[in-house]
Amino acid sequence: MKDDLTATIIETHRDVRWICRTLEEMKETDADFEGRLRDLEGWRAEKAGAERRMGGVCAGLSGVVGGAVAWMFQWIG
């Protein structure tokens, strides 16, 4: 009976160590995955910001060109 209890305790201890190691590996993997996800989100935000800036530039240019054309039509007649 005592040998069974000792074997159970040893096996339980081994299982607990395995679970702890596995959880640590999962944390490292999660941290790596989260880092990659944050990098991807940053890249997408940067890309979206560049698209918005380019859209703003295009809108500004089209406003200037539209104003110039309107001025020319008024000047011509």
PDB file of N, CA and C in Angstrom:
ATOM      1  N   MET A   1       0.820  -1.182   0.000  1.00  0.00           N
ATOM      2  CA  MET A   1       0.000   0.000   0.000  1.00  0.00           C
ATOM      3  C   MET A   1       0.871   1.255   0.000  1.00  0.00           C
ATOM      4  N   LYS A   2       1.918   1.254   0.836  1.00  0.00           N
ATOM      5  CA  LYS A   2       2.796   2.406   0.925  1.00  0.00           C
ATOM      6  C   LYS A   2       3.531   2.620  -0.397  1.00  0.00           C
ATOM      7  N   ASP A   3       3.912   1.559  -1.075  1.00  0.00           N
ATOM      8  CA  ASP A   3       4.591   1.667  -2.361  1.00  0.00           C
ATOM      9  C   ASP A   3       3.665   2.259  -3.407  1.00  0.00           C
ATOM     10  N   ASP A   4       2.379   1.896  -3.373  1.00  0.00           N
ATOM     11  CA  ASP A   4       1.407   2.457  -4.314  1.00  0.00           C
ATOM     12  C   ASP A   4       1.250   3.958  -4.088  1.00  0.00           C
ATOM     13  N   LEU A   5       1.213   4.339  -2.822  1.00  0.00           N
ATOM     14  CA  LEU A   5       1.076   5.757  -2.490  1.00  0.00           C
ATOM     15  C   LEU A   5       2.314   6.535  -2.937  1.00  0.00           C
ATOM     16  N   THR A   6       3.481   5.973  -2.710  1.00  0.00           N
ATOM     17  CA  THR A   6       4.731   6.612  -3.118  1.00  0.00           C
ATOM     18  C   THR A   6       4.775   6.738  -4.638  1.00  0.00           C
ATOM     19  N   ALA A   7       4.391   5.698  -5.330  1.00  0.00           N
ATOM     20  CA  ALA A   7       4.383   5.737  -6.796  1.00  0.00           C
ATOM     21  C   ALA A   7       3.387   6.774  -7.299  1.00  0.00           C
ATOM     22  N   THR A   8       2.258   6.871  -6.659  1.00  0.00           N
ATOM     23  CA  THR A   8       1.248   7.863  -7.055  1.00  0.00           C
ATOM     24  C   THR A   8       1.767   9.279  -6.820  1.00  0.00           C
ATOM     25  N   ILE A   9       2.411   9.492  -5.681  1.00  0.00           N
ATOM     26  CA  ILE A   9       2.968  10.817  -5.387  1.00  0.00           C
ATOM     27  C   ILE A   9       4.045  11.176  -6.400  1.00  0.00           C
ATOM     28  N   ILE A  10       4.921  10.260  -6.717  1.00  0.00           N
ATOM     29  CA  ILE A  10       5.989  10.506  -7.691  1.00  0.00           C
ATOM     30  C   ILE A  10       5.389  10.792  -9.065  1.00  0.00           C
ATOM     31  N   GLU A  11       4.415  10.025  -9.465  1.00  0.00           N
ATOM     32  CA  GLU A  11       3.774  10.223 -10.760  1.00  0.00           C
ATOM     33  C   GLU A  11       3.051  11.574 -10.806  1.00  0.00           C
ATOM     34  N   THR A  12       2.375  11.924  -9.726  1.00  0.00           N
ATOM     35  CA  THR A  12       1.679  13.217  -9.650  1.00  0.00           C
ATOM     36  C   THR A  12       2.674  14.365  -9.742  1.00  0.00           C
ATOM     37  N   HIS A  13       3.781  14.238  -9.025  1.00  0.00           N
ATOM     38  CA  HIS A  13       4.821  15.272  -9.064  1.00  0.00           C
ATOM     39  C   HIS A  13       5.371  15.422 -10.480  1.00  0.00           C
ATOM     40  N   ARG A  14       5.609  14.331 -11.158  1.00  0.00           N
ATOM     41  CA  ARG A  14       6.093  14.342 -12.539  1.00  0.00           C
ATOM     42  C   ARG A  14       5.071  15.009 -13.459  1.00  0.00           C
ATOM     43  N   ASP A  15       3.797  14.695 -13.254  1.00  0.00           N
ATOM     44  CA  ASP A  15       2.731  15.303 -14.066  1.00  0.00           C
ATOM     45  C   ASP A  15       2.650  16.809 -13.836  1.00  0.00           C
ATOM     46  N   VAL A  16       2.782  17.210 -12.573  1.00  0.00           N
ATOM     47  CA  VAL A  16       2.722  18.641 -12.254  1.00  0.00           C
ATOM     48  C   VAL A  16       3.892  19.374 -12.904  1.00  0.00           C
ATOM     49  N   ARG A  17       5.071  18.802 -12.851  1.00  0.00           N
ATOM     50  CA  ARG A  17       6.232  19.426 -13.502  1.00  0.00           C
ATOM     51  C   ARG A  17       6.001  19.534 -15.007  1.00  0.00           C
ATOM     52  N   TRP A  18       5.456  18.490 -15.622  1.00  0.00           N
ATOM     53  CA  TRP A  18       5.178  18.513 -17.063  1.00  0.00           C
ATOM     54  C   TRP A  18       4.150  19.602 -17.384  1.00  0.00           C
ATOM     55  N   ILE A  19       3.113  19.702 -16.560  1.00  0.00           N
ATOM     56  CA  ILE A  19       2.081  20.728 -16.789  1.00  0.00           C
ATOM     57  C   ILE A  19       2.695  22.126 -16.669  1.00  0.00           C
ATOM     58  N   CYS A  20       3.535  22.340 -15.674  1.00  0.00           N
ATOM     59  CA  CYS A  20       4.172  23.647 -15.501  1.00  0.00           C
ATOM     60  C   CYS A  20       5.065  23.995 -16.681  1.00  0.00           C
ATOM     61  N   ARG A  21       5.856  23.030 -17.154  1.00  0.00           N
ATOM     62  CA  ARG A  21       6.702  23.260 -18.326  1.00  0.00           C
ATOM     63  C   ARG A  21       5.866  23.589 -19.554  1.00  0.00           C
ATOM     64  N   THR A  22       4.792  22.833 -19.734  1.00  0.00           N
ATOM     65  CA  THR A  22       3.917  23.048 -20.887  1.00  0.00           C
ATOM     66  C   THR A  22       3.270  24.423 -20.826  1.00  0.00           C
ATOM     67  N   LEU A  23       2.837  24.842 -19.648  1.00  0.00           N
ATOM     68  CA  LEU A  23       2.246  26.175 -19.497  1.00  0.00           C
ATOM     69  C   LEU A  23       3.262  27.271 -19.805  1.00  0.00           C
ATOM     70  N   GLU A  24       4.500  27.104 -19.378  1.00  0.00           N
ATOM     71  CA  GLU A  24       5.547  28.084 -19.676  1.00  0.00           C
ATOM     72  C   GLU A  24       5.783  28.167 -21.178  1.00  0.00           C
ATOM     73  N   GLU A  25       5.833  27.018 -21.846  1.00  0.00           N
ATOM     74  CA  GLU A  25       6.012  27.009 -23.300  1.00  0.00           C
ATOM     75  C   GLU A  25       4.834  27.702 -23.990  1.00  0.00           C
ATOM     76  N   MET A  26       3.630  27.473 -23.473  1.00  0.00           N
ATOM     77  CA  MET A  26       2.450  28.107 -24.056  1.00  0.00           C
ATOM     78  C   MET A  26       2.513  29.626 -23.862  1.00  0.00           C
ATOM     79  N   LYS A  27       2.983  30.069 -22.700  1.00  0.00           N
ATOM     80  CA  LYS A  27       3.118  31.510 -22.450  1.00  0.00           C
ATOM     81  C   LYS A  27       4.112  32.129 -23.425  1.00  0.00           C
ATOM     82  N   GLU A  28       5.243  31.443 -23.640  1.00  0.00           N
ATOM     83  CA  GLU A  28       6.238  31.954 -24.580  1.00  0.00           C
ATOM     84  C   GLU A  28       5.672  32.009 -25.993  1.00  0.00           C
ATOM     85  N   THR A  29       4.951  30.973 -26.375  1.00  0.00           N
ATOM     86  CA  THR A  29       4.346  30.947 -27.703  1.00  0.00           C
ATOM     87  C   THR A  29       3.299  32.044 -27.829  1.00  0.00           C
ATOM     88  N   ASP A  30       2.495  32.222 -26.788  1.00  0.00           N
ATOM     89  CA  ASP A  30       1.487  33.282 -26.803  1.00  0.00           C
ATOM     90  C   ASP A  30       2.137  34.663 -26.895  1.00  0.00           C
ATOM     91  N   ALA A  31       3.234  34.859 -26.157  1.00  0.00           N
ATOM     92  CA  ALA A  31       3.932  36.142 -26.195  1.00  0.00           C
ATOM     93  C   ALA A  31       4.492  36.398 -27.589  1.00  0.00           C
ATOM     94  N   ASP A  32       5.048  35.360 -28.203  1.00  0.00           N
ATOM     95  CA  ASP A  32       5.569  35.495 -29.566  1.00  0.00           C
ATOM     96  C   ASP A  32       4.443  35.810 -30.539  1.00  0.00           C
ATOM     97  N   PHE A  33       3.344  35.085 -30.416  1.00  0.00           N
ATOM     98  CA  PHE A  33       2.190  35.301 -31.291  1.00  0.00           C
ATOM     99  C   PHE A  33       1.630  36.707 -31.099  1.00  0.00           C
ATOM    100  N   GLU A  34       1.529  37.143 -29.842  1.00  0.00           N
ATOM    101  CA  GLU A  34       0.999  38.475 -29.568  1.00  0.00           C
ATOM    102  C   GLU A  34       1.923  39.547 -30.127  1.00  0.00           C
ATOM    103  N   GLY A  35       3.228  39.337 -30.019  1.00  0.00           N
ATOM    104  CA  GLY A  35       4.182  40.287 -30.597  1.00  0.00           C
ATOM    105  C   GLY A  35       4.030  40.397 -32.100  1.00  0.00           C
ATOM    106  N   ARG A  36       3.882  39.248 -32.746  1.00  0.00           N
ATOM    107  CA  ARG A  36       3.690  39.266 -34.206  1.00  0.00           C
ATOM    108  C   ARG A  36       2.381  39.938 -34.573  1.00  0.00           C
ATOM    109  N   LEU A  37       1.351  39.696 -33.779  1.00  0.00           N
ATOM    110  CA  LEU A  37       0.053  40.318 -34.035  1.00  0.00           C
ATOM    111  C   LEU A  37       0.142  41.836 -33.881  1.00  0.00           C
ATOM    112  N   ARG A  38       0.835  42.306 -32.842  1.00  0.00           N
ATOM    113  CA  ARG A  38       1.011  43.746 -32.640  1.00  0.00           C
ATOM    114  C   ARG A  38       1.797  44.364 -33.797  1.00  0.00           C
ATOM    115  N   ASP A  39       2.832  43.655 -34.281  1.00  0.00           N
ATOM    116  CA  ASP A  39       3.590  44.147 -35.434  1.00  0.00           C
ATOM    117  C   ASP A  39       2.697  44.273 -36.660  1.00  0.00           C
ATOM    118  N   LEU A  40       1.854  43.266 -36.876  1.00  0.00           N
ATOM    119  CA  LEU A  40       0.943  43.296 -38.014  1.00  0.00           C
ATOM    120  C   LEU A  40      -0.066  44.426 -37.875  1.00  0.00           C
ATOM    121  N   GLU A  41      -0.593  44.621 -36.673  1.00  0.00           N
ATOM    122  CA  GLU A  41      -1.532  45.718 -36.452  1.00  0.00           C
ATOM    123  C   GLU A  41      -0.857  47.065 -36.688  1.00  0.00           C
ATOM    124  N   GLY A  42       0.388  47.198 -36.244  1.00  0.00           N
ATOM    125  CA  GLY A  42       1.133  48.438 -36.470  1.00  0.00           C
ATOM    126  C   GLY A  42       1.357  48.692 -37.946  1.00  0.00           C
ATOM    127  N   TRP A  43       1.698  47.634 -38.666  1.00  0.00           N
ATOM    128  CA  TRP A  43       1.911  47.762 -40.111  1.00  0.00           C
ATOM    129  C   TRP A  43       0.626  48.181 -40.807  1.00  0.00           C
ATOM    130  N   ARG A  44      -0.491  47.562 -40.412  1.00  0.00           N
ATOM    131  CA  ARG A  44      -1.777  47.916 -41.039  1.00  0.00           C
ATOM    132  C   ARG A  44      -2.164  49.358 -40.711  1.00  0.00           C
ATOM    133  N   ALA A  45      -1.916  49.783 -39.471  1.00  0.00           N
ATOM    134  CA  ALA A  45      -2.231  51.161 -39.088  1.00  0.00           C
ATOM    135  C   ALA A  45      -1.350  52.134 -39.865  1.00  0.00           C
ATOM    136  N   GLU A  46      -0.088  51.767 -40.028  1.00  0.00           N
ATOM    137  CA  GLU A  46       0.830  52.616 -40.791  1.00  0.00           C
ATOM    138  C   GLU A  46       0.392  52.705 -42.247  1.00  0.00           C
ATOM    139  N   LYS A  47      -0.006  51.574 -42.802  1.00  0.00           N
ATOM    140  CA  LYS A  47      -0.472  51.543 -44.192  1.00  0.00           C
ATOM    141  C   LYS A  47      -1.751  52.360 -44.345  1.00  0.00           C
ATOM    142  N   ALA A  48      -2.674  52.208 -43.393  1.00  0.00           N
ATOM    143  CA  ALA A  48      -3.927  52.969 -43.441  1.00  0.00           C
ATOM    144  C   ALA A  48      -3.645  54.457 -43.299  1.00  0.00           C
ATOM    145  N   GLY A  49      -2.698  54.833 -42.449  1.00  0.00           N
ATOM    146  CA  GLY A  49      -2.327  56.235 -42.284  1.00  0.00           C
ATOM    147  C   GLY A  49      -1.740  56.806 -43.562  1.00  0.00           C
ATOM    148  N   ALA A  50      -0.906  56.006 -44.236  1.00  0.00           N
ATOM    149  CA  ALA A  50      -0.327  56.463 -45.497  1.00  0.00           C
ATOM    150  C   ALA A  50      -1.414  56.637 -46.550  1.00  0.00           C
ATOM    151  N   GLU A  51      -2.382  55.717 -46.563  1.00  0.00           N
ATOM    152  CA  GLU A  51      -3.484  55.834 -47.526  1.00  0.00           C
ATOM    153  C   GLU A  51      -4.328  57.068 -47.228  1.00  0.00           C
ATOM    154  N   ARG A  52      -4.560  57.343 -45.941  1.00  0.00           N
ATOM    155  CA  ARG A  52      -5.332  58.539 -45.582  1.00  0.00           C
ATOM    156  C   ARG A  52      -4.576  59.803 -45.959  1.00  0.00           C
ATOM    157  N   ARG A  53      -3.259  59.811 -45.723  1.00  0.00           N
ATOM    158  CA  ARG A  53      -2.466  60.986 -46.094  1.00  0.00           C
ATOM    159  C   ARG A  53      -2.499  61.195 -47.595  1.00  0.00           C
ATOM    160  N   MET A  54      -2.375  60.106 -48.353  1.00  0.00           N
ATOM    161  CA  MET A  54      -2.396  60.213 -49.808  1.00  0.00           C
ATOM    162  C   MET A  54      -3.771  60.672 -50.264  1.00  0.00           C
ATOM    163  N   GLY A  55      -4.825  60.179 -49.641  1.00  0.00           N
ATOM    164  CA  GLY A  55      -6.179  60.615 -49.974  1.00  0.00           C
ATOM    165  C   GLY A  55      -6.367  62.086 -49.674  1.00  0.00           C
ATOM    166  N   GLY A  56      -5.788  62.551 -48.574  1.00  0.00           N
ATOM    167  CA  GLY A  56      -5.870  63.965 -48.221  1.00  0.00           C
ATOM    168  C   GLY A  56      -5.120  64.833 -49.213  1.00  0.00           C
ATOM    169  N   VAL A  57      -3.957  64.354 -49.656  1.00  0.00           N
ATOM    170  CA  VAL A  57      -3.182  65.094 -50.650  1.00  0.00           C
ATOM    171  C   VAL A  57      -3.956  65.175 -51.954  1.00  0.00           C
ATOM    172  N   CYS A  58      -4.529  64.048 -52.366  1.00  0.00           N
ATOM    173  CA  CYS A  58      -5.312  64.032 -53.606  1.00  0.00           C
ATOM    174  C   CYS A  58      -6.522  64.955 -53.484  1.00  0.00           C
ATOM    175  N   ALA A  59      -7.184  64.933 -52.351  1.00  0.00           N
ATOM    176  CA  ALA A  59      -8.338  65.806 -52.151  1.00  0.00           C
ATOM    177  C   ALA A  59      -7.907  67.264 -52.184  1.00  0.00           C
ATOM    178  N   GLY A  60      -6.771  67.568 -51.574  1.00  0.00           N
ATOM    179  CA  GLY A  60      -6.259  68.939 -51.590  1.00  0.00           C
ATOM    180  C   GLY A  60      -5.906  69.389 -52.987  1.00  0.00           C
ATOM    181  N   LEU A  61      -5.246  68.515 -53.749  1.00  0.00           N
ATOM    182  CA  LEU A  61      -4.886  68.852 -55.130  1.00  0.00           C
ATOM    183  C   LEU A  61      -6.121  69.024 -55.995  1.00  0.00           C
ATOM    184  N   SER A  62      -7.085  68.144 -55.839  1.00  0.00           N
ATOM    185  CA  SER A  62      -8.286  68.262 -56.663  1.00  0.00           C
ATOM    186  C   SER A  62      -9.051  69.534 -56.313  1.00  0.00           C
ATOM    187  N   GLY A  63      -8.999  69.956 -55.044  1.00  0.00           N
ATOM    188  CA  GLY A  63      -9.622  71.220 -54.660  1.00  0.00           C
ATOM    189  C   GLY A  63      -8.942  72.406 -55.314  1.00  0.00           C
ATOM    190  N   VAL A  64      -7.615  72.367 -55.341  1.00  0.00           N
ATOM    191  CA  VAL A  64      -6.852  73.455 -55.967  1.00  0.00           C
ATOM    192  C   VAL A  64      -7.123  73.489 -57.466  1.00  0.00           C
ATOM    193  N   VAL A  65      -7.072  72.328 -58.108  1.00  0.00           N
ATOM    194  CA  VAL A  65      -7.317  72.253 -59.548  1.00  0.00           C
ATOM    195  C   VAL A  65      -8.749  72.681 -59.856  1.00  0.00           C
ATOM    196  N   GLY A  66      -9.709  72.239 -59.067  1.00  0.00           N
ATOM    197  CA  GLY A  66     -11.103  72.634 -59.277  1.00  0.00           C
ATOM    198  C   GLY A  66     -11.284  74.141 -59.125  1.00  0.00           C
ATOM    199  N   GLY A  67     -10.619  74.725 -58.134  1.00  0.00           N
ATOM    200  CA  GLY A  67     -10.685  76.176 -57.950  1.00  0.00           C
ATOM    201  C   GLY A  67     -10.076  76.920 -59.124  1.00  0.00           C
ATOM    202  N   ALA A  68      -8.947  76.407 -59.626  1.00  0.00           N
ATOM    203  CA  ALA A  68      -8.303  77.043 -60.776  1.00  0.00           C
ATOM    204  C   ALA A  68      -9.189  76.968 -62.014  1.00  0.00           C
ATOM    205  N   VAL A  69      -9.826  75.828 -62.230  1.00  0.00           N
ATOM    206  CA  VAL A  69     -10.713  75.670 -63.386  1.00  0.00           C
ATOM    207  C   VAL A  69     -11.915  76.608 -63.242  1.00  0.00           C
ATOM    208  N   ALA A  70     -12.466  76.696 -62.049  1.00  0.00           N
ATOM    209  CA  ALA A  70     -13.600  77.596 -61.833  1.00  0.00           C
ATOM    210  C   ALA A  70     -13.184  79.046 -62.078  1.00  0.00           C
ATOM    211  N   TRP A  71     -12.002  79.418 -61.617  1.00  0.00           N
ATOM    212  CA  TRP A  71     -11.505  80.771 -61.843  1.00  0.00           C
ATOM    213  C   TRP A  71     -11.327  81.050 -63.332  1.00  0.00           C
ATOM    214  N   MET A  72     -10.783  80.020 -64.064  1.00  0.00           N
ATOM    215  CA  MET A  72     -10.612  80.190 -65.520  1.00  0.00           C
ATOM    216  C   MET A  72     -11.947  80.376 -66.238  1.00  0.00           C
ATOM    217  N   PHE A  73     -12.982  79.607 -65.835  1.00  0.00           N
ATOM    218  CA  PHE A  73     -14.299  79.765 -66.471  1.00  0.00           C
ATOM    219  C   PHE A  73     -14.883  81.133 -66.180  1.00  0.00           C
ATOM    220  N   GLN A  74     -14.674  81.622 -64.964  1.00  0.00           N
ATOM    221  CA  GLN A  74     -15.182  82.955 -64.643  1.00  0.00           C
ATOM    222  C   GLN A  74     -14.405  84.020 -65.424  1.00  0.00           C
ATOM    223  N   TRP A  75     -13.128  83.846 -65.558  1.00  0.00           N
ATOM    224  CA  TRP A  75     -12.281  84.809 -66.258  1.00  0.00           C
ATOM    225  C   TRP A  75     -12.588  84.826 -67.750  1.00  0.00           C
ATOM    226  N   ILE A  76     -12.785  83.608 -68.329  1.00  0.00           N
ATOM    227  CA  ILE A  76     -13.058  83.500 -69.760  1.00  0.00           C
ATOM    228  C   ILE A  76     -14.453  84.017 -70.063  1.00  0.00           C
ATOM    229  N   GLY A  77     -15.348  83.689 -69.206  1.00  0.00           N
ATOM    230  CA  GLY A  77     -16.587  84.295 -69.530  1.00  0.00           C
ATOM    231  C   GLY A  77     -17.822  83.651 -69.176  1.00  0.00           C
TER     232      GLY A  77
END
